[in-house]
């Protein structure tokens, strides 16, 4: 039996997509999506936790994401988890885990997105909602998922 690597997320963009091109001319867009989990602990206190997901889109989907997605917008993304490794300029080994998407749906209108605060701005928890730093690693043709 084959394994399954499938991810489905609904969340808000933490930043506008960043569009780039590989040396071979492939289009790639990167952005982050925040998902949150809310629960009540044993003492009855409402708790929440935000998880930031690094998203990568290729080709036409990358162009569509770049054109229509903006920070704070609620989206559904579907794809697979991918971990990449590389050497940085000082020779250190680095890695990152990303969601390489194959499908994206915008879940609200532009006016609703403007009226709704971004994921990093809502909630009453003291959990840090700071977006993780962008890993600025080189994009090579080896990264192309096909």
Protein backbone atom coordinates (compact mmCIF):
# COMPACT_ATOMS: atom_id res chain seq x y z
CA UNK A 1 0.00 0.00 0.00
CA UNK A 2 1.25 3.49 -0.85
CA UNK A 3 1.66 6.22 1.73
CA UNK A 4 -0.47 9.35 1.81
CA UNK A 5 0.86 12.90 2.05
CA UNK A 6 -2.09 15.30 1.96
CA UNK A 7 -2.69 18.54 3.82
CA UNK A 8 -5.84 20.67 3.92
CA UNK A 9 -5.78 24.00 5.76
CA UNK A 10 -8.19 26.87 6.30
CA UNK A 11 -6.58 29.99 7.68
CA UNK A 12 -5.57 33.58 7.12
CA UNK A 13 -2.57 34.83 5.18
CA UNK A 14 0.16 36.23 7.39
CA UNK A 15 1.76 38.19 4.55
CA UNK A 16 1.21 38.93 0.88
CA UNK A 17 2.58 36.24 -1.45
CA UNK A 18 6.15 36.73 -2.65
CA UNK A 19 6.54 35.83 -6.33
CA UNK A 20 9.89 34.62 -7.68
CA UNK A 21 11.26 32.74 -10.65
CA UNK A 22 13.72 29.84 -10.70
CA UNK A 23 16.80 29.92 -12.94
CA UNK A 24 14.79 27.80 -15.37
CA UNK A 25 11.92 30.31 -15.47
CA UNK A 26 9.48 28.41 -13.23
CA UNK A 27 7.12 30.68 -11.27
CA UNK A 28 6.97 30.15 -7.50
CA UNK A 29 4.99 32.01 -4.84
CA UNK A 30 5.60 31.78 -1.10
CA UNK A 31 3.36 32.97 1.71
CA UNK A 32 2.27 31.92 5.18
CA UNK A 33 -1.11 30.81 6.50
CA UNK A 34 -2.10 30.93 10.17
CA UNK A 35 -4.44 28.35 11.65
CA UNK A 36 -5.69 28.60 15.19
CA UNK A 37 -6.95 26.17 17.77
CA UNK A 38 -9.18 27.28 20.64
CA UNK A 39 -10.06 25.22 23.71
CA UNK A 40 -11.09 25.56 27.34
CA UNK A 41 -8.55 24.21 29.85
CA UNK A 42 -9.34 22.32 33.08
CA UNK A 43 -9.74 25.57 35.00
CA UNK A 44 -12.32 26.86 32.50
CA UNK A 45 -9.97 29.40 30.93
CA UNK A 46 -10.17 29.88 27.20
CA UNK A 47 -6.84 29.07 25.54
CA UNK A 48 -5.69 29.38 21.95
CA UNK A 49 -2.68 28.54 19.87
CA UNK A 50 -1.72 29.77 16.41
CA UNK A 51 0.27 27.59 14.03
CA UNK A 52 2.07 29.21 11.08
CA UNK A 53 2.41 27.19 7.88
CA UNK A 54 4.87 28.03 5.09
CA UNK A 55 3.04 27.68 1.77
CA UNK A 56 4.59 27.25 -1.69
CA UNK A 57 2.72 27.39 -5.02
CA UNK A 58 4.20 26.70 -8.45
CA UNK A 59 3.34 27.70 -12.02
CA UNK A 60 -0.07 29.16 -12.85
CA UNK A 61 -1.29 28.60 -9.29
CA UNK A 62 1.62 30.76 -8.05
CA UNK A 63 0.55 33.56 -10.39
CA UNK A 64 -3.09 33.30 -9.24
CA UNK A 65 -2.04 33.39 -5.57
CA UNK A 66 0.13 36.43 -6.21
CA UNK A 67 -2.69 38.23 -8.02
CA UNK A 68 -5.60 37.54 -5.66
CA UNK A 69 -4.25 36.80 -2.18
CA UNK A 70 -3.44 39.50 0.36
CA UNK A 71 -2.46 39.51 4.02
CA UNK A 72 -5.43 38.70 6.27
CA UNK A 73 -7.47 36.91 3.59
CA UNK A 74 -9.20 33.66 4.58
CA UNK A 75 -8.19 30.79 2.28
CA UNK A 76 -8.43 27.04 1.86
CA UNK A 77 -5.24 25.41 0.60
CA UNK A 78 -4.63 21.77 -0.25
CA UNK A 79 -1.34 20.08 -1.00
CA UNK A 80 1.46 18.01 0.50
CA UNK A 81 4.17 18.44 3.13
CA UNK A 82 7.71 18.74 1.82
CA UNK A 83 10.95 19.13 3.78
CA UNK A 84 13.94 20.54 1.92
CA UNK A 85 17.58 20.69 2.98
CA UNK A 86 20.43 22.87 1.73
CA UNK A 87 23.74 24.38 2.77
CA UNK A 88 23.82 28.05 3.68
CA UNK A 89 26.60 30.44 2.65
CA UNK A 90 28.68 29.54 5.70
CA UNK A 91 28.41 25.80 4.97
CA UNK A 92 25.84 25.08 7.67
CA UNK A 93 23.07 22.61 7.00
CA UNK A 94 19.60 24.17 6.92
CA UNK A 95 16.14 22.73 6.39
CA UNK A 96 12.57 23.94 6.08
CA UNK A 97 9.19 22.25 6.00
CA UNK A 98 6.60 23.65 3.60
CA UNK A 99 3.16 22.88 2.26
CA UNK A 100 3.40 22.61 -1.54
CA UNK A 101 -0.14 23.38 -2.66
CA UNK A 102 -2.04 21.99 -5.61
CA UNK A 103 -5.33 23.79 -4.93
CA UNK A 104 -6.40 27.10 -3.37
CA UNK A 105 -9.82 28.65 -2.76
CA UNK A 106 -10.54 32.13 -1.43
CA UNK A 107 -13.21 31.79 1.25
CA UNK A 108 -14.42 35.37 1.54
CA UNK A 109 -14.98 38.47 -0.52
CA UNK A 110 -12.50 41.34 -0.64
CA UNK A 111 -14.78 43.53 1.47
CA UNK A 112 -15.08 40.87 4.17
CA UNK A 113 -11.29 40.47 4.24
CA UNK A 114 -10.84 44.21 4.70
CA UNK A 115 -13.30 44.28 7.61
CA UNK A 116 -11.86 41.19 9.36
CA UNK A 117 -8.59 41.49 11.29
CA UNK A 118 -5.68 39.31 10.26
CA UNK A 119 -5.06 36.10 12.21
CA UNK A 120 -2.17 37.75 13.99
CA UNK A 121 -4.52 40.44 15.34
CA UNK A 122 -7.47 38.54 16.77
CA UNK A 123 -8.01 36.48 19.89
CA UNK A 124 -7.64 37.21 23.57
CA UNK A 125 -4.85 34.78 24.35
CA UNK A 126 -1.41 35.75 25.52
CA UNK A 127 0.12 33.27 23.09
CA UNK A 128 2.56 35.02 20.76
CA UNK A 129 1.07 35.54 17.32
CA UNK A 130 4.24 36.79 15.68
CA UNK A 131 4.83 35.30 12.29
CA UNK A 132 8.02 33.25 12.01
CA UNK A 133 10.84 34.79 10.00
CA UNK A 134 10.90 34.07 6.29
CA UNK A 135 13.62 31.57 5.40
CA UNK A 136 15.36 33.08 2.39
CA UNK A 137 16.94 30.00 0.85
CA UNK A 138 17.78 29.68 -2.82
CA UNK A 139 15.10 28.29 -5.11
CA UNK A 140 16.52 25.84 -7.62
CA UNK A 141 15.08 23.74 -10.41
CA UNK A 142 15.44 20.74 -8.07
CA UNK A 143 12.63 22.29 -6.01
CA UNK A 144 10.12 22.01 -8.88
CA UNK A 145 7.63 19.31 -7.85
CA UNK A 146 7.46 17.62 -11.27
